[in-house]
Amino acid sequence: MKASSEKSFAVTGDETVNSSNADFDAEGARETFARYRRIVDERLDSLIPSATIEPVSVHGAMRWSVFAGGKRFRPALLIAVGEAFGARDEEMLATACAFEMIHTYSLIHDDLPAMDDDDLRRGVPTCHIKYGEATAILAGDALQALAFQTIAADARLGAELRVALTLELARAAGTPAGMVAGQSLDLAAESRDDVSVD
């Protein structure tokens, strides 16, 4: 049997994909990711209230935390997967922003003295260092509420889909098997002597 320089693998039935046709385009991926980040940031800017609107401290803290950097990996992944299945960016953008709001709320609360007690996040002061603990808690709470509001108000999606997205995001963010449950396990592990990284 003659060895082939081309590698291929079966996808389904008679179909095969030649790996030489599936070369990764790093520059194209960077450009696509930059586009996702730009459109997500633009929409986040329009969704999160201005720091000139009362309560200015809470809105300022929300904006400080959301726009303090970050790769926007979660919303970019949602948009990329949606595009792979034929969805349009505009249909996914509100939900993608809701993901980023939930992520940022979790970081604000994770940085608090009662949790990880971090002073810096993404190279800048954490929300509670800049705005105080009480305002940081409110900013996180407001981002969580705004995330669900953003999905619920997205008229581009049917009512049934909005309910399903809201339910799934609540499950992923909460308990018994979501992000809050994971944070609880993390806190419990910190107080135990029999837990190690090994």
Protein backbone atom coordinates (compact mmCIF):
# COMPACT_ATOMS: atom_id res chain seq x y z
CA MET A 1 0.00 0.00 0.00
CA LYS A 2 1.36 3.38 -0.99
CA ALA A 3 1.69 5.98 1.76
CA SER A 4 -0.15 9.21 1.16
CA SER A 5 1.15 12.64 2.12
CA GLU A 6 -2.44 13.81 2.56
CA LYS A 7 -4.32 12.94 5.71
CA SER A 8 -8.08 12.58 5.66
CA PHE A 9 -10.71 11.32 8.03
CA ALA A 10 -14.25 10.09 7.69
CA VAL A 11 -16.99 12.48 8.70
CA THR A 12 -20.14 10.51 7.91
CA GLY A 13 -20.82 7.69 5.52
CA ASP A 14 -19.01 8.34 2.25
CA GLU A 15 -17.95 11.91 3.10
CA THR A 16 -14.33 12.67 3.92
CA VAL A 17 -12.55 15.85 4.80
CA ASN A 18 -9.00 16.37 3.63
CA SER A 19 -6.95 18.02 6.34
CA SER A 20 -4.88 19.87 3.74
CA ASN A 21 -8.06 21.80 2.84
CA ALA A 22 -8.75 22.66 6.46
CA ASP A 23 -5.60 24.66 7.21
CA PHE A 24 -6.07 27.06 10.08
CA ASP A 25 -6.02 30.72 9.07
CA ALA A 26 -4.63 32.44 12.16
CA GLU A 27 -4.80 35.93 10.69
CA GLY A 28 -8.38 35.40 9.55
CA ALA A 29 -9.28 34.10 13.01
CA ARG A 30 -7.74 37.18 14.65
CA GLU A 31 -9.66 39.48 12.31
CA THR A 32 -12.92 37.63 12.96
CA PHE A 33 -12.35 37.70 16.71
CA ALA A 34 -11.55 41.44 16.57
CA ARG A 35 -14.81 42.01 14.67
CA TYR A 36 -16.77 40.04 17.28
CA ARG A 37 -15.17 42.02 20.08
CA ARG A 38 -15.91 45.33 18.36
CA ILE A 39 -19.60 44.59 17.76
CA VAL A 40 -20.03 43.20 21.28
CA ASP A 41 -18.37 46.26 22.83
CA GLU A 42 -20.55 48.59 20.74
CA ARG A 43 -23.71 46.80 21.85
CA LEU A 44 -22.59 46.64 25.48
CA ASP A 45 -21.98 50.39 25.36
CA SER A 46 -25.56 50.94 24.19
CA LEU A 47 -27.06 48.51 26.74
CA ILE A 48 -25.27 49.57 29.92
CA PRO A 49 -26.59 52.87 31.27
CA SER A 50 -24.32 55.90 31.04
CA ALA A 51 -22.33 56.85 34.13
CA THR A 52 -24.12 60.22 33.97
CA ILE A 53 -27.50 58.60 34.73
CA GLU A 54 -28.54 58.03 38.36
CA PRO A 55 -27.44 56.06 40.24
CA VAL A 56 -24.18 57.32 38.76
CA SER A 57 -21.93 55.34 41.11
CA VAL A 58 -23.58 52.02 40.22
CA HIS A 59 -23.61 52.75 36.49
CA GLY A 60 -20.02 53.98 36.67
CA ALA A 61 -18.99 50.78 38.46
CA MET A 62 -20.82 48.62 35.91
CA ARG A 63 -19.11 50.37 33.01
CA TRP A 64 -15.72 50.36 34.75
CA SER A 65 -15.89 46.61 35.20
CA VAL A 66 -17.27 45.71 31.77
CA PHE A 67 -14.91 47.98 29.84
CA ALA A 68 -11.78 47.37 31.95
CA GLY A 69 -10.46 44.98 29.31
CA GLY A 70 -11.21 41.36 28.73
CA LYS A 71 -11.10 39.20 25.65
CA ARG A 72 -14.86 38.81 25.14
CA PHE A 73 -14.24 35.10 24.64
CA ARG A 74 -17.70 33.97 25.77
CA PRO A 75 -19.70 36.23 23.46
CA ALA A 76 -17.27 35.58 20.60
CA LEU A 77 -17.69 31.83 21.02
CA LEU A 78 -21.48 32.16 21.00
CA ILE A 79 -21.39 34.24 17.80
CA ALA A 80 -18.89 31.92 16.10
CA VAL A 81 -20.97 28.82 16.84
CA GLY A 82 -24.15 30.61 15.79
CA GLU A 83 -22.57 31.68 12.51
CA ALA A 84 -21.47 28.09 11.89
CA PHE A 85 -25.15 27.13 12.08
CA GLY A 86 -26.31 29.98 9.86
CA ALA A 87 -27.46 32.51 12.46
CA ARG A 88 -26.90 36.22 11.82
CA ASP A 89 -24.80 38.31 14.21
CA GLU A 90 -27.71 40.60 15.00
CA GLU A 91 -29.80 37.63 16.16
CA MET A 92 -27.12 36.61 18.66
CA LEU A 93 -25.69 39.91 19.81
CA ALA A 94 -28.03 40.62 22.74
CA THR A 95 -27.55 37.12 24.13
CA ALA A 96 -23.79 37.38 23.60
CA CYS A 97 -23.79 40.62 25.60
CA ALA A 98 -25.86 38.98 28.32
CA PHE A 99 -23.17 36.29 28.61
CA GLU A 100 -20.53 38.99 29.08
CA MET A 101 -22.66 40.77 31.69
CA ILE A 102 -23.03 37.55 33.70
CA HIS A 103 -19.31 36.88 33.39
CA THR A 104 -18.43 40.41 34.56
CA TYR A 105 -20.89 40.28 37.46
CA SER A 106 -19.23 37.04 38.58
CA LEU A 107 -15.78 38.66 38.44
CA ILE A 108 -16.95 41.68 40.46
CA HIS A 109 -18.33 39.44 43.19
CA ASP A 110 -15.37 37.03 43.03
CA ASP A 111 -12.95 39.92 43.69
CA LEU A 112 -14.76 41.05 46.86
CA PRO A 113 -13.02 40.72 50.25
CA ALA A 114 -15.49 38.02 51.32
CA MET A 115 -14.47 35.92 48.30
CA ASP A 116 -10.98 36.14 46.73
CA ASP A 117 -10.16 39.64 48.00
CA ASP A 118 -8.37 40.80 44.85
CA ASP A 119 -7.21 44.39 44.39
CA LEU A 120 -6.47 44.17 40.66
CA ARG A 121 -8.36 42.69 37.72
CA ARG A 122 -7.00 42.91 34.18
CA GLY A 123 -4.27 45.23 35.44
CA VAL A 124 -6.58 47.87 36.93
CA PRO A 125 -8.16 48.30 40.38
CA THR A 126 -11.07 45.96 40.99
CA CYS A 127 -14.56 47.38 41.22
CA HIS A 128 -14.70 47.33 45.03
CA ILE A 129 -11.31 49.06 45.29
CA LYS A 130 -12.39 51.86 42.95
CA TYR A 131 -16.05 52.22 44.02
CA GLY A 132 -16.31 50.55 47.44
CA GLU A 133 -17.71 47.17 48.41
CA ALA A 134 -21.37 48.16 48.60
CA THR A 135 -21.36 49.76 45.15
CA ALA A 136 -19.46 46.79 43.71
CA ILE A 137 -22.12 44.40 45.02
CA LEU A 138 -24.86 46.56 43.52
CA ALA A 139 -23.00 46.82 40.19
CA GLY A 140 -22.70 43.03 40.02
CA ASP A 141 -26.35 42.60 40.94
CA ALA A 142 -27.36 45.17 38.31
CA LEU A 143 -25.30 43.45 35.60
CA GLN A 144 -26.96 40.13 36.43
CA ALA A 145 -30.42 41.70 36.21
CA LEU A 146 -29.52 43.55 33.01
CA ALA A 147 -28.32 40.30 31.43
CA PHE A 148 -31.73 38.68 31.83
CA GLN A 149 -33.51 41.91 30.85
CA THR A 150 -31.40 42.08 27.68
CA ILE A 151 -32.46 38.62 26.55
CA ALA A 152 -36.09 39.11 27.57
CA ALA A 153 -36.31 42.39 25.62
CA ASP A 154 -34.67 41.09 22.42
CA ALA A 155 -37.54 41.41 19.93
CA ARG A 156 -35.41 39.76 17.20
CA LEU A 157 -36.06 36.45 18.93
CA GLY A 158 -39.36 34.70 19.43
CA ALA A 159 -40.85 34.59 22.91
CA GLU A 160 -40.27 30.85 23.29
CA LEU A 161 -36.58 31.18 22.43
CA ARG A 162 -36.16 34.11 24.83
CA VAL A 163 -37.64 32.04 27.65
CA ALA A 164 -35.39 29.08 26.79
CA LEU A 165 -32.27 31.28 26.68
CA THR A 166 -33.16 32.95 29.98
CA LEU A 167 -33.76 29.58 31.63
CA GLU A 168 -30.49 28.12 30.33
CA LEU A 169 -28.45 31.16 31.37
CA ALA A 170 -30.03 31.10 34.84
CA ARG A 171 -29.15 27.42 35.21
CA ALA A 172 -25.58 28.00 34.05
CA ALA A 173 -25.09 30.97 36.37
CA GLY A 174 -26.85 29.67 39.49
CA THR A 175 -27.25 26.49 41.48
CA PRO A 176 -27.25 23.53 41.95
CA ALA A 177 -24.81 22.92 39.09
CA GLY A 178 -23.94 26.38 37.79
CA MET A 179 -21.35 29.06 38.40
CA VAL A 180 -22.59 30.07 41.88
CA ALA A 181 -22.44 26.44 42.98
CA GLY A 182 -18.87 26.28 41.69
CA GLN A 183 -17.91 29.41 43.62
CA SER A 184 -19.43 27.88 46.74
CA LEU A 185 -17.29 24.76 46.27
CA ASP A 186 -14.24 26.98 45.78
CA LEU A 187 -14.90 28.82 49.04
CA ALA A 188 -15.50 25.56 50.89
CA ALA A 189 -12.24 24.11 49.56
CA GLU A 190 -10.29 27.15 50.78
CA SER A 191 -11.29 26.42 54.38
CA ARG A 192 -10.32 22.73 54.22
CA ASP A 193 -6.89 21.42 55.16
CA ASP A 194 -7.26 18.16 53.21
CA VAL A 195 -7.56 19.79 49.75
CA SER A 196 -4.49 20.37 47.59
CA VAL A 197 -3.72 21.16 43.98
CA ASP A 198 -2.28 17.67 43.60
